[in-house]
């Protein structure tokens, strides 16, 4: 291993250690701006549920079986720090009716680009560098780390979602579930209305 490769490995290790510091900053930010974050968080879901109620009133959407919260990796790669929210009936993503909204998590996902850019700057100082494709691959891995953190954040805030008046008015199936994962891809069940244990991380779908 030459000096540049060694510097790159050290920089990557430092990147992962940075996550812990970022989590402390994230927690402090959430505490400091709790009311504003809560309002924006709830507003995104209120917007989605209101759309669902309107579609149900029009007879275009049946009982909702799934709320899918999706990581849009392509958007995150481009610095757009949002999760996609979708309501589906029992046909799931084969449904012909689109009912979607977006949840802005800039205050969490912003660390991805900040840290990647810091890594690149550190490597330049050491005389090392990454080809563009390697930076992209590293960023994809780093996105996965923050996608997992976002899942924990969502689970923590499930009571706020389930307590919304719009959610309670929405017609739902008895086995209604909230899913989290890649858009139209593999997901984890983070809430199952039919489960006796209520909210919490669960099986994969």
Protein backbone atom coordinates (compact mmCIF):
# COMPACT_ATOMS: atom_id res chain seq x y z
CA UNK A 1 0.00 0.00 0.00
CA UNK A 2 1.47 3.36 -1.03
CA UNK A 3 1.14 6.63 0.89
CA UNK A 4 -1.81 7.86 -1.17
CA UNK A 5 -3.78 4.65 -0.63
CA UNK A 6 -2.98 4.78 3.08
CA UNK A 7 -4.16 8.39 3.23
CA UNK A 8 -7.39 7.42 1.47
CA UNK A 9 -8.09 4.64 3.97
CA UNK A 10 -7.43 6.96 6.89
CA UNK A 11 -9.75 9.56 5.38
CA UNK A 12 -12.55 6.98 4.96
CA UNK A 13 -12.14 5.83 8.55
CA UNK A 14 -12.33 9.45 9.70
CA UNK A 15 -15.49 9.86 7.63
CA UNK A 16 -17.25 7.06 9.49
CA UNK A 17 -16.08 8.40 12.85
CA UNK A 18 -17.58 11.75 11.89
CA UNK A 19 -21.05 10.18 11.94
CA UNK A 20 -21.01 10.01 15.74
CA UNK A 21 -20.20 13.72 16.00
CA UNK A 22 -22.88 14.49 13.44
CA UNK A 23 -25.47 12.57 15.42
CA UNK A 24 -24.69 14.70 18.46
CA UNK A 25 -25.10 17.84 16.34
CA UNK A 26 -28.32 16.48 14.83
CA UNK A 27 -29.78 15.71 18.27
CA UNK A 28 -28.84 19.18 19.53
CA UNK A 29 -30.38 20.81 16.45
CA UNK A 30 -33.61 18.86 16.84
CA UNK A 31 -33.84 19.84 20.49
CA UNK A 32 -33.14 23.49 19.77
CA UNK A 33 -35.65 23.68 16.89
CA UNK A 34 -38.12 21.08 18.14
CA UNK A 35 -41.31 23.04 17.47
CA UNK A 36 -40.37 24.11 13.94
CA UNK A 37 -39.14 20.63 12.99
CA UNK A 38 -42.27 19.01 14.41
CA UNK A 39 -44.54 21.37 12.49
CA UNK A 40 -42.73 20.80 9.18
CA UNK A 41 -42.58 17.04 9.78
CA UNK A 42 -46.31 16.80 10.51
CA UNK A 43 -47.21 19.15 7.66
CA UNK A 44 -45.68 16.78 5.08
CA UNK A 45 -47.82 13.89 6.31
CA UNK A 46 -50.90 16.10 6.66
CA UNK A 47 -50.48 17.11 3.02
CA UNK A 48 -50.24 13.45 1.98
CA UNK A 49 -53.21 12.32 4.07
CA UNK A 50 -55.34 15.23 2.84
CA UNK A 51 -54.63 14.18 -0.75
CA UNK A 52 -55.67 10.65 0.20
CA UNK A 53 -58.90 11.88 1.77
CA UNK A 54 -59.74 13.88 -1.35
CA UNK A 55 -59.11 10.86 -3.58
CA UNK A 56 -61.24 8.67 -1.33
CA UNK A 57 -64.04 11.23 -1.40
CA UNK A 58 -63.88 11.08 -5.20
CA UNK A 59 -64.04 7.28 -5.11
CA UNK A 60 -60.64 7.01 -6.77
CA UNK A 61 -58.74 5.54 -3.84
CA UNK A 62 -59.90 2.61 -1.74
CA UNK A 63 -58.87 1.84 1.83
CA UNK A 64 -55.18 2.60 2.24
CA UNK A 65 -53.08 -0.50 2.89
CA UNK A 66 -49.61 1.08 2.84
CA UNK A 67 -47.84 4.29 3.62
CA UNK A 68 -44.45 3.97 1.93
CA UNK A 69 -41.62 6.25 3.02
CA UNK A 70 -38.92 5.99 0.40
CA UNK A 71 -35.26 6.89 0.12
CA UNK A 72 -34.63 8.49 -3.26
CA UNK A 73 -30.96 7.70 -3.61
CA UNK A 74 -30.65 9.54 -6.94
CA UNK A 75 -31.96 12.76 -5.41
CA UNK A 76 -29.70 12.40 -2.38
CA UNK A 77 -26.73 11.97 -4.70
CA UNK A 78 -27.70 15.33 -6.22
CA UNK A 79 -28.07 17.05 -2.84
CA UNK A 80 -31.87 16.99 -2.68
CA UNK A 81 -32.49 15.91 0.91
CA UNK A 82 -36.01 14.53 0.73
CA UNK A 83 -37.88 11.30 1.36
CA UNK A 84 -40.87 10.41 -0.78
CA UNK A 85 -44.19 9.63 0.89
CA UNK A 86 -46.81 7.50 -0.93
CA UNK A 87 -50.20 6.09 -0.03
CA UNK A 88 -51.21 2.83 -1.72
CA UNK A 89 -54.25 0.60 -1.64
CA UNK A 90 -53.91 -3.19 -1.51
CA UNK A 91 -52.39 -3.25 -5.01
CA UNK A 92 -49.34 -1.42 -3.62
CA UNK A 93 -47.10 0.12 -6.28
CA UNK A 94 -49.21 -1.36 -9.09
CA UNK A 95 -51.92 1.15 -8.18
CA UNK A 96 -52.82 3.51 -11.02
CA UNK A 97 -53.58 6.35 -8.61
CA UNK A 98 -50.64 8.41 -7.39
CA UNK A 99 -50.90 9.97 -3.96
CA UNK A 100 -47.55 11.35 -2.89
CA UNK A 101 -45.77 14.09 -0.97
CA UNK A 102 -42.22 14.79 0.17
CA UNK A 103 -40.56 15.02 3.57
CA UNK A 104 -37.62 17.40 3.79
CA UNK A 105 -34.82 16.02 6.00
CA UNK A 106 -32.15 18.53 5.04
CA UNK A 107 -31.20 18.92 8.70
CA UNK A 108 -30.08 15.26 8.73
CA UNK A 109 -28.93 14.48 5.19
CA UNK A 110 -26.90 17.70 4.79
CA UNK A 111 -24.03 15.98 6.62
CA UNK A 112 -23.55 13.62 3.67
CA UNK A 113 -22.25 16.29 1.30
CA UNK A 114 -20.51 18.27 4.02
CA UNK A 115 -18.46 15.24 5.07
CA UNK A 116 -17.77 13.97 1.54
CA UNK A 117 -16.52 17.41 0.50
CA UNK A 118 -14.38 17.52 3.64
CA UNK A 119 -12.94 14.12 2.77
CA UNK A 120 -12.00 15.26 -0.73
CA UNK A 121 -10.33 18.39 0.68
CA UNK A 122 -8.37 16.33 3.22
CA UNK A 123 -7.17 13.96 0.51
CA UNK A 124 -5.97 16.85 -1.62
CA UNK A 125 -3.92 18.15 1.29
CA UNK A 126 -2.28 14.73 1.58
CA UNK A 127 -1.59 14.58 -2.14
CA UNK A 128 -4.23 11.91 -2.70
CA UNK A 129 -7.44 11.93 -4.69
CA UNK A 130 -10.39 9.76 -5.70
CA UNK A 131 -11.62 9.19 -9.23
CA UNK A 132 -15.18 10.50 -9.64
CA UNK A 133 -16.67 7.00 -9.74
CA UNK A 134 -14.99 6.11 -6.43
CA UNK A 135 -16.33 9.26 -4.80
CA UNK A 136 -19.82 8.33 -6.05
CA UNK A 137 -19.49 4.81 -4.66
CA UNK A 138 -18.29 6.15 -1.33
CA UNK A 139 -21.18 8.61 -1.23
CA UNK A 140 -23.68 5.82 -1.94
CA UNK A 141 -22.33 3.88 1.04
CA UNK A 142 -22.49 6.99 3.20
CA UNK A 143 -26.09 7.61 2.11
CA UNK A 144 -26.94 4.13 3.38
CA UNK A 145 -25.61 5.07 6.82
CA UNK A 146 -27.83 8.13 6.98
CA UNK A 147 -30.81 6.27 5.52
CA UNK A 148 -30.58 3.95 8.54
CA UNK A 149 -30.43 6.95 10.88
CA UNK A 150 -33.48 8.42 9.12
CA UNK A 151 -35.37 5.16 9.73
CA UNK A 152 -34.69 5.39 13.47
CA UNK A 153 -35.81 9.04 13.41
CA UNK A 154 -39.07 8.09 11.68
CA UNK A 155 -39.78 5.27 14.14
CA UNK A 156 -39.21 7.69 17.00
CA UNK A 157 -41.75 10.07 15.47
CA UNK A 158 -44.42 7.52 14.56
CA UNK A 159 -46.75 8.74 17.36
CA UNK A 160 -46.83 12.19 15.73
CA UNK A 161 -47.88 10.64 12.40
CA UNK A 162 -50.48 8.32 13.91
CA UNK A 163 -51.93 11.13 16.01
CA UNK A 164 -52.79 13.40 13.07
CA UNK A 165 -56.50 14.07 12.55
CA UNK A 166 -56.10 13.52 8.80
CA UNK A 167 -54.60 10.10 9.45
CA UNK A 168 -57.49 9.10 11.69
CA UNK A 169 -60.04 10.16 9.06
CA UNK A 170 -58.33 8.19 6.29
CA UNK A 171 -59.99 4.89 5.41
CA UNK A 172 -57.42 2.16 6.00
CA UNK A 173 -57.28 -1.62 5.84
CA UNK A 174 -57.14 -3.59 9.09
CA UNK A 175 -53.59 -4.64 8.25
CA UNK A 176 -52.39 -1.15 7.30
CA UNK A 177 -48.61 -0.86 7.34
CA UNK A 178 -45.99 1.85 7.17
CA UNK A 179 -42.99 0.82 5.07
CA UNK A 180 -39.53 2.33 4.81
CA UNK A 181 -36.84 1.65 2.23
CA UNK A 182 -35.75 2.24 -1.33
CA UNK A 183 -38.38 3.61 -3.72
CA UNK A 184 -40.38 0.72 -5.24
CA UNK A 185 -37.80 -1.68 -3.86
CA UNK A 186 -37.15 -3.72 -0.74
CA UNK A 187 -38.64 -2.17 2.38
CA UNK A 188 -38.91 -2.73 6.13
CA UNK A 189 -42.20 -2.60 8.03
CA UNK A 190 -41.86 0.08 10.70
CA UNK A 191 -45.53 0.05 11.72
CA UNK A 192 -48.15 -2.70 11.46
CA UNK A 193 -51.67 -1.84 12.59
CA UNK A 194 -52.55 -5.51 12.96
CA UNK A 195 -49.58 -6.33 15.18
CA UNK A 196 -50.30 -6.43 18.89
CA UNK A 197 -46.96 -4.74 19.64
CA UNK A 198 -47.90 -1.62 17.64
CA UNK A 199 -45.14 0.51 16.18
CA UNK A 200 -41.58 -0.60 15.77
CA UNK A 201 -39.10 -2.03 13.28
CA UNK A 202 -40.32 -5.29 11.85
CA UNK A 203 -40.14 -7.66 8.94
CA UNK A 204 -39.18 -6.93 5.40
CA UNK A 205 -41.60 -6.62 2.52
